[in-house]
Amino acid sequence: MPRLSEADIRLRRGHVGLVGRVGRVAIPALIALMFLVGAAACSSAPPDDRDYPTKIAAARAAKDAEFARGDDPIPTARHAQFLPLAYFPIDPDYNVPAALKPIDDKQVYEMPTSTGANRKMRRVGMLEFTLKGQLMKLLAFNEVGTDPGSLFIAFGDLTSGTETYAAGRFMDLSRNITGVYEVDFNRAYIPYCYYNPTYECPYPPAENRLKIPIRAGEKMKVKS
């Protein structure tokens, strides 16, 4: 049976609750970025959204329902083991504004995976943001042959291997013309190879190994 990838399932059907929210700003990119820098200096939190916890909880419930309907990506025999999926408590402080600093690099990066094969990625840019008072960066990629409007972020942190999957977690964003994004760790998800070894999961690059614990998003329900 051929191994499937995260990108394969995104092409076959839409992710439910897996795509990060993108900030929609109706002002020129330069002004938006200046505003972002000034706001980040004062606070890491995005504008107040009283419905935010409800939206995240609904997305998580929808994902559970989607996975429970079939045997992909979680085999039916393992539903009781993994469903409902486990998460850290919803924390709006882990949803932060970020500016994408583009990288003009046409070179293809060979990203290692759980199967030993490499996935061909291109570096799109560096997402720069403030989290819990600390300046941080995450390298964003686009996989060769997939939608050029998508951004893929694989990251690790100090919960990797204990509370979350050892190889890291993923986030997805949609590109926009402003360069202003929301990096929402509450939407971070564990790669599908955790549930199903037929999936091929990319490993985060060294640049995306954060030196703090990110207790937001999906966590392990059982030890793999």
C-alpha atoms as a PDB file:
ATOM      1  CA  MET A   1       0.000   0.000   0.000  1.00  0.00           C
ATOM      2  CA  PRO A   2       1.564   3.361  -0.963  1.00  0.00           C
ATOM      3  CA  ARG A   3       2.250   5.798   1.808  1.00  0.00           C
ATOM      4  CA  LEU A   4       0.024   8.848   1.866  1.00  0.00           C
ATOM      5  CA  SER A   5       1.160  12.290   2.858  1.00  0.00           C
ATOM      6  CA  GLU A   6      -0.501  15.217   4.604  1.00  0.00           C
ATOM      7  CA  ALA A   7      -0.646  16.963   1.240  1.00  0.00           C
ATOM      8  CA  ASP A   8      -2.362  13.947  -0.328  1.00  0.00           C
ATOM      9  CA  ILE A   9      -5.314  14.110   2.015  1.00  0.00           C
ATOM     10  CA  ARG A  10      -5.551  17.892   1.652  1.00  0.00           C
ATOM     11  CA  LEU A  11      -5.942  17.372  -2.087  1.00  0.00           C
ATOM     12  CA  ARG A  12      -8.475  14.575  -1.674  1.00  0.00           C
ATOM     13  CA  ARG A  13     -10.729  16.392   0.782  1.00  0.00           C
ATOM     14  CA  GLY A  14     -10.780  19.664   2.672  1.00  0.00           C
ATOM     15  CA  HIS A  15      -9.291  19.824   6.125  1.00  0.00           C
ATOM     16  CA  VAL A  16     -11.782  20.631   8.853  1.00  0.00           C
ATOM     17  CA  GLY A  17     -10.357  22.932  11.480  1.00  0.00           C
ATOM     18  CA  LEU A  18      -6.780  22.499  10.272  1.00  0.00           C
ATOM     19  CA  VAL A  19      -6.242  25.679   8.305  1.00  0.00           C
ATOM     20  CA  GLY A  20      -4.955  28.598  10.353  1.00  0.00           C
ATOM     21  CA  ARG A  21      -6.987  31.778  10.331  1.00  0.00           C
ATOM     22  CA  VAL A  22      -5.558  34.476   8.105  1.00  0.00           C
ATOM     23  CA  GLY A  23      -5.772  38.121   9.005  1.00  0.00           C
ATOM     24  CA  ARG A  24      -7.746  40.044   6.368  1.00  0.00           C
ATOM     25  CA  VAL A  25      -6.549  43.628   6.258  1.00  0.00           C
ATOM     26  CA  ALA A  26      -8.123  46.130   3.853  1.00  0.00           C
ATOM     27  CA  ILE A  27      -5.178  48.545   3.900  1.00  0.00           C
ATOM     28  CA  PRO A  28      -1.919  48.554   1.941  1.00  0.00           C
ATOM     29  CA  ALA A  29       0.660  46.011   3.024  1.00  0.00           C
ATOM     30  CA  LEU A  30       3.203  48.587   4.181  1.00  0.00           C
ATOM     31  CA  ILE A  31       0.750  50.274   6.522  1.00  0.00           C
ATOM     32  CA  ALA A  32      -0.443  46.912   7.770  1.00  0.00           C
ATOM     33  CA  LEU A  33       3.084  45.802   8.575  1.00  0.00           C
ATOM     34  CA  MET A  34       3.859  49.091  10.367  1.00  0.00           C
ATOM     35  CA  PHE A  35       0.728  48.648  12.432  1.00  0.00           C
ATOM     36  CA  LEU A  36       1.674  45.068  13.216  1.00  0.00           C
ATOM     37  CA  VAL A  37       5.141  45.987  14.448  1.00  0.00           C
ATOM     38  CA  GLY A  38       3.759  48.681  16.709  1.00  0.00           C
ATOM     39  CA  ALA A  39       1.047  46.416  18.080  1.00  0.00           C
ATOM     40  CA  ALA A  40       3.452  43.559  18.692  1.00  0.00           C
ATOM     41  CA  ALA A  41       5.660  45.838  20.784  1.00  0.00           C
ATOM     42  CA  CYS A  42       2.775  46.384  23.168  1.00  0.00           C
ATOM     43  CA  SER A  43       1.062  43.007  23.175  1.00  0.00           C
ATOM     44  CA  SER A  44       1.268  39.576  21.577  1.00  0.00           C
ATOM     45  CA  ALA A  45      -2.508  39.190  21.502  1.00  0.00           C
ATOM     46  CA  PRO A  46      -4.633  39.800  18.381  1.00  0.00           C
ATOM     47  CA  PRO A  47      -7.747  41.991  18.521  1.00  0.00           C
ATOM     48  CA  ASP A  48     -10.346  40.797  21.012  1.00  0.00           C
ATOM     49  CA  ASP A  49     -12.695  38.141  19.649  1.00  0.00           C
ATOM     50  CA  ARG A  50     -15.199  36.982  22.225  1.00  0.00           C
ATOM     51  CA  ASP A  51     -16.316  34.147  19.933  1.00  0.00           C
ATOM     52  CA  TYR A  52     -12.775  32.850  19.466  1.00  0.00           C
ATOM     53  CA  PRO A  53     -12.930  29.978  22.037  1.00  0.00           C
ATOM     54  CA  THR A  54     -16.282  28.891  20.614  1.00  0.00           C
ATOM     55  CA  LYS A  55     -14.882  28.831  17.075  1.00  0.00           C
ATOM     56  CA  ILE A  56     -11.856  26.775  18.102  1.00  0.00           C
ATOM     57  CA  ALA A  57     -14.008  24.313  20.071  1.00  0.00           C
ATOM     58  CA  ALA A  58     -16.380  23.939  17.107  1.00  0.00           C
ATOM     59  CA  ALA A  59     -13.482  23.285  14.734  1.00  0.00           C
ATOM     60  CA  ARG A  60     -12.137  20.598  17.048  1.00  0.00           C
ATOM     61  CA  ALA A  61     -15.542  18.915  17.332  1.00  0.00           C
ATOM     62  CA  ALA A  62     -15.934  18.992  13.538  1.00  0.00           C
ATOM     63  CA  LYS A  63     -12.525  17.369  13.095  1.00  0.00           C
ATOM     64  CA  ASP A  64     -13.434  14.589  15.536  1.00  0.00           C
ATOM     65  CA  ALA A  65     -16.686  13.992  13.665  1.00  0.00           C
ATOM     66  CA  GLU A  66     -14.895  13.874  10.317  1.00  0.00           C
ATOM     67  CA  PHE A  67     -12.305  11.386  11.547  1.00  0.00           C
ATOM     68  CA  ALA A  68     -15.000   9.226  13.188  1.00  0.00           C
ATOM     69  CA  ARG A  69     -16.865   8.808   9.898  1.00  0.00           C
ATOM     70  CA  GLY A  70     -14.208   6.655   8.257  1.00  0.00           C
ATOM     71  CA  ASP A  71     -10.886   4.882   8.617  1.00  0.00           C
ATOM     72  CA  ASP A  72      -8.638   7.587   7.161  1.00  0.00           C
ATOM     73  CA  PRO A  73      -6.478   9.015   8.591  1.00  0.00           C
ATOM     74  CA  ILE A  74      -7.269   7.100  11.801  1.00  0.00           C
ATOM     75  CA  PRO A  75      -8.039   3.410  11.136  1.00  0.00           C
ATOM     76  CA  THR A  76     -11.428   2.359  12.491  1.00  0.00           C
ATOM     77  CA  ALA A  77      -9.802  -0.146  14.839  1.00  0.00           C
ATOM     78  CA  ARG A  78      -7.926   2.738  16.513  1.00  0.00           C
ATOM     79  CA  HIS A  79     -10.853   5.159  16.900  1.00  0.00           C
ATOM     80  CA  ALA A  80     -11.346   4.291  20.564  1.00  0.00           C
ATOM     81  CA  GLN A  81      -7.647   4.826  21.183  1.00  0.00           C
ATOM     82  CA  PHE A  82      -7.411   8.295  19.639  1.00  0.00           C
ATOM     83  CA  LEU A  83     -10.902   9.829  19.461  1.00  0.00           C
ATOM     84  CA  PRO A  84     -11.823  12.340  20.592  1.00  0.00           C
ATOM     85  CA  LEU A  85      -8.464  13.951  19.914  1.00  0.00           C
ATOM     86  CA  ALA A  86      -6.626  15.464  22.868  1.00  0.00           C
ATOM     87  CA  TYR A  87      -5.865  19.186  23.141  1.00  0.00           C
ATOM     88  CA  PHE A  88      -4.383  21.702  25.498  1.00  0.00           C
ATOM     89  CA  PRO A  89      -6.935  24.203  26.875  1.00  0.00           C
ATOM     90  CA  ILE A  90      -7.815  26.964  24.424  1.00  0.00           C
ATOM     91  CA  ASP A  91      -5.614  29.961  25.172  1.00  0.00           C
ATOM     92  CA  PRO A  92      -6.079  33.147  23.082  1.00  0.00           C
ATOM     93  CA  ASP A  93      -2.558  34.261  24.073  1.00  0.00           C
ATOM     94  CA  TYR A  94      -1.230  31.623  21.680  1.00  0.00           C
ATOM     95  CA  ASN A  95      -2.979  33.286  18.729  1.00  0.00           C
ATOM     96  CA  VAL A  96      -0.600  36.048  17.671  1.00  0.00           C
ATOM     97  CA  PRO A  97      -0.121  38.428  14.728  1.00  0.00           C
ATOM     98  CA  ALA A  98       2.892  37.778  12.516  1.00  0.00           C
ATOM     99  CA  ALA A  99       4.648  39.451   9.619  1.00  0.00           C
ATOM    100  CA  LEU A 100       5.975  37.300   6.792  1.00  0.00           C
ATOM    101  CA  LYS A 101       9.452  38.374   5.712  1.00  0.00           C
ATOM    102  CA  PRO A 102       9.776  36.900   2.174  1.00  0.00           C
ATOM    103  CA  ILE A 103      12.789  34.793   1.213  1.00  0.00           C
ATOM    104  CA  ASP A 104      13.879  35.105  -2.403  1.00  0.00           C
ATOM    105  CA  ASP A 105      15.317  31.617  -2.747  1.00  0.00           C
ATOM    106  CA  LYS A 106      14.434  29.331  -5.645  1.00  0.00           C
ATOM    107  CA  GLN A 107      16.483  26.456  -4.267  1.00  0.00           C
ATOM    108  CA  VAL A 108      14.517  23.349  -3.353  1.00  0.00           C
ATOM    109  CA  TYR A 109      14.912  22.231   0.250  1.00  0.00           C
ATOM    110  CA  GLU A 110      14.899  18.485   0.862  1.00  0.00           C
ATOM    111  CA  MET A 111      12.854  18.080   4.047  1.00  0.00           C
ATOM    112  CA  PRO A 112      13.385  14.714   5.774  1.00  0.00           C
ATOM    113  CA  THR A 113      10.338  12.623   6.698  1.00  0.00           C
ATOM    114  CA  SER A 114       9.207   9.756   8.902  1.00  0.00           C
ATOM    115  CA  THR A 115       9.703   7.258   6.063  1.00  0.00           C
ATOM    116  CA  GLY A 116      13.310   8.204   5.365  1.00  0.00           C
ATOM    117  CA  ALA A 117      12.407   9.846   2.059  1.00  0.00           C
ATOM    118  CA  ASN A 118      12.684  13.601   1.512  1.00  0.00           C
ATOM    119  CA  ARG A 119       9.904  16.021   0.567  1.00  0.00           C
ATOM    120  CA  LYS A 120      10.694  18.843  -1.838  1.00  0.00           C
ATOM    121  CA  MET A 121       9.921  22.226  -0.288  1.00  0.00           C
ATOM    122  CA  ARG A 122      10.619  25.841  -1.112  1.00  0.00           C
ATOM    123  CA  ARG A 123      11.264  28.445   1.558  1.00  0.00           C
ATOM    124  CA  VAL A 124       8.608  31.145   1.266  1.00  0.00           C
ATOM    125  CA  GLY A 125       9.551  33.385   4.139  1.00  0.00           C
ATOM    126  CA  MET A 126      10.114  33.859   7.843  1.00  0.00           C
ATOM    127  CA  LEU A 127       7.103  34.513  10.060  1.00  0.00           C
ATOM    128  CA  GLU A 128       8.163  36.960  12.769  1.00  0.00           C
ATOM    129  CA  PHE A 129       6.011  37.423  15.882  1.00  0.00           C
ATOM    130  CA  THR A 130       5.981  37.980  19.625  1.00  0.00           C
ATOM    131  CA  LEU A 131       4.749  35.183  21.889  1.00  0.00           C
ATOM    132  CA  LYS A 132       4.543  35.498  25.670  1.00  0.00           C
ATOM    133  CA  GLY A 133       6.796  38.541  25.446  1.00  0.00           C
ATOM    134  CA  GLN A 134       9.466  36.787  23.378  1.00  0.00           C
ATOM    135  CA  LEU A 135      10.401  37.569  19.780  1.00  0.00           C
ATOM    136  CA  MET A 136      10.193  34.406  17.686  1.00  0.00           C
ATOM    137  CA  LYS A 137      10.451  33.217  14.105  1.00  0.00           C
ATOM    138  CA  LEU A 138       9.112  30.279  12.117  1.00  0.00           C
ATOM    139  CA  LEU A 139      10.206  29.339   8.622  1.00  0.00           C
ATOM    140  CA  ALA A 140       7.252  28.886   6.254  1.00  0.00           C
ATOM    141  CA  PHE A 141       7.394  26.529   3.267  1.00  0.00           C
ATOM    142  CA  ASN A 142       5.419  25.604   0.188  1.00  0.00           C
ATOM    143  CA  GLU A 143       5.680  22.024  -0.999  1.00  0.00           C
ATOM    144  CA  VAL A 144       6.707  21.660  -4.642  1.00  0.00           C
ATOM    145  CA  GLY A 145       3.726  20.613  -6.754  1.00  0.00           C
ATOM    146  CA  THR A 146       1.054  21.792  -4.290  1.00  0.00           C
ATOM    147  CA  ASP A 147      -1.098  24.922  -4.181  1.00  0.00           C
ATOM    148  CA  PRO A 148       1.353  27.875  -4.306  1.00  0.00           C
ATOM    149  CA  GLY A 149      -1.079  29.848  -2.155  1.00  0.00           C
ATOM    150  CA  SER A 150      -0.543  27.573   0.847  1.00  0.00           C
ATOM    151  CA  LEU A 151       2.007  27.934   3.622  1.00  0.00           C
ATOM    152  CA  PHE A 152       3.231  24.919   5.571  1.00  0.00           C
ATOM    153  CA  ILE A 153       4.838  25.278   8.999  1.00  0.00           C
ATOM    154  CA  ALA A 154       6.371  22.313  10.805  1.00  0.00           C
ATOM    155  CA  PHE A 155       7.675  23.105  14.284  1.00  0.00           C
ATOM    156  CA  GLY A 156       8.941  21.512  17.452  1.00  0.00           C
ATOM    157  CA  ASP A 157       9.057  22.878  21.001  1.00  0.00           C
ATOM    158  CA  LEU A 158       9.886  21.811  24.538  1.00  0.00           C
ATOM    159  CA  THR A 159       6.721  19.675  24.748  1.00  0.00           C
ATOM    160  CA  SER A 160       7.853  17.526  21.804  1.00  0.00           C
ATOM    161  CA  GLY A 161       8.383  13.941  22.913  1.00  0.00           C
ATOM    162  CA  THR A 162       6.572  14.340  26.227  1.00  0.00           C
ATOM    163  CA  GLU A 163       3.211  16.047  25.865  1.00  0.00           C
ATOM    164  CA  THR A 164       3.171  16.283  22.077  1.00  0.00           C
ATOM    165  CA  TYR A 165       4.437  14.140  19.215  1.00  0.00           C
ATOM    166  CA  ALA A 166       8.228  13.769  19.329  1.00  0.00           C
ATOM    167  CA  ALA A 167       8.744  14.784  15.696  1.00  0.00           C
ATOM    168  CA  GLY A 168       6.790  18.029  16.052  1.00  0.00           C
ATOM    169  CA  ARG A 169       3.489  19.520  14.949  1.00  0.00           C
ATOM    170  CA  PHE A 170       2.114  21.317  11.896  1.00  0.00           C
ATOM    171  CA  MET A 171       0.207  24.486  11.037  1.00  0.00           C
ATOM    172  CA  ASP A 172      -1.297  25.551   7.690  1.00  0.00           C
ATOM    173  CA  LEU A 173      -1.901  29.081   6.462  1.00  0.00           C
ATOM    174  CA  SER A 174      -3.225  30.578   3.249  1.00  0.00           C
ATOM    175  CA  ARG A 175      -1.058  33.231   1.595  1.00  0.00           C
ATOM    176  CA  ASN A 176      -2.382  36.762   1.235  1.00  0.00           C
ATOM    177  CA  ILE A 177      -1.186  39.995  -0.334  1.00  0.00           C
ATOM    178  CA  THR A 178      -0.717  41.861   2.956  1.00  0.00           C
ATOM    179  CA  GLY A 179       2.011  39.699   4.462  1.00  0.00           C
ATOM    180  CA  VAL A 180       0.149  39.904   7.786  1.00  0.00           C
ATOM    181  CA  TYR A 181      -0.947  36.609   9.341  1.00  0.00           C
ATOM    182  CA  GLU A 182      -2.249  35.055  12.516  1.00  0.00           C
ATOM    183  CA  VAL A 183      -0.021  32.321  13.863  1.00  0.00           C
ATOM    184  CA  ASP A 184      -2.527  30.352  15.918  1.00  0.00           C
ATOM    185  CA  PHE A 185      -0.935  27.584  17.950  1.00  0.00           C
ATOM    186  CA  ASN A 186      -4.396  26.584  19.198  1.00  0.00           C
ATOM    187  CA  ARG A 187      -4.844  25.164  15.682  1.00  0.00           C
ATOM    188  CA  ALA A 188      -1.506  23.305  15.655  1.00  0.00           C
ATOM    189  CA  TYR A 189      -2.039  19.632  14.871  1.00  0.00           C
ATOM    190  CA  ILE A 190      -0.130  16.397  15.225  1.00  0.00           C
ATOM    191  CA  PRO A 191       0.976  14.820  11.918  1.00  0.00           C
ATOM    192  CA  TYR A 192      -1.091  11.884  10.740  1.00  0.00           C
ATOM    193  CA  CYS A 193       1.756   9.368  11.010  1.00  0.00           C
ATOM    194  CA  TYR A 194       1.106   9.466  14.758  1.00  0.00           C
ATOM    195  CA  TYR A 195      -2.210   7.699  14.133  1.00  0.00           C
ATOM    196  CA  ASN A 196      -1.378   5.807  10.962  1.00  0.00           C
ATOM    197  CA  PRO A 197       2.098   4.626   9.822  1.00  0.00           C
ATOM    198  CA  THR A 198       1.021   4.661   6.155  1.00  0.00           C
ATOM    199  CA  TYR A 199       1.380   8.450   6.248  1.00  0.00           C
ATOM    200  CA  GLU A 200       4.646  10.221   5.520  1.00  0.00           C
ATOM    201  CA  CYS A 201       5.311  13.158   7.848  1.00  0.00           C
ATOM    202  CA  PRO A 202       7.922  15.873   7.260  1.00  0.00           C
ATOM    203  CA  TYR A 203      10.236  16.766  10.143  1.00  0.00           C
ATOM    204  CA  PRO A 204      10.648  20.405  11.249  1.00  0.00           C
ATOM    205  CA  PRO A 205      13.879  22.139  10.221  1.00  0.00           C
ATOM    206  CA  ALA A 206      16.341  23.293  12.881  1.00  0.00           C
ATOM    207  CA  GLU A 207      15.104  26.901  12.516  1.00  0.00           C
ATOM    208  CA  ASN A 208      11.654  25.837  13.713  1.00  0.00           C
ATOM    209  CA  ARG A 209      12.694  24.120  16.931  1.00  0.00           C
ATOM    210  CA  LEU A 210      11.329  26.598  19.476  1.00  0.00           C
ATOM    211  CA  LYS A 211      13.110  26.842  22.822  1.00  0.00           C
ATOM    212  CA  ILE A 212       9.936  27.181  24.886  1.00  0.00           C
ATOM    213  CA  PRO A 213       7.010  24.844  25.600  1.00  0.00           C
ATOM    214  CA  ILE A 214       3.981  25.518  23.378  1.00  0.00           C
ATOM    215  CA  ARG A 215       1.080  24.223  25.443  1.00  0.00           C
ATOM    216  CA  ALA A 216      -1.572  24.967  22.847  1.00  0.00           C
ATOM    217  CA  GLY A 217      -3.167  22.951  20.085  1.00  0.00           C
ATOM    218  CA  GLU A 218      -3.251  19.170  19.772  1.00  0.00           C
ATOM    219  CA  LYS A 219      -1.352  16.951  22.172  1.00  0.00           C
ATOM    220  CA  MET A 220      -0.822  13.203  22.496  1.00  0.00           C
ATOM    221  CA  LYS A 221      -3.612  11.147  23.923  1.00  0.00           C
ATOM    222  CA  VAL A 222      -1.490   8.068  24.356  1.00  0.00           C
ATOM    223  CA  LYS A 223       2.230   7.478  24.024  1.00  0.00           C
ATOM    224  CA  SER A 224       3.210   6.306  20.558  1.00  0.00           C
END
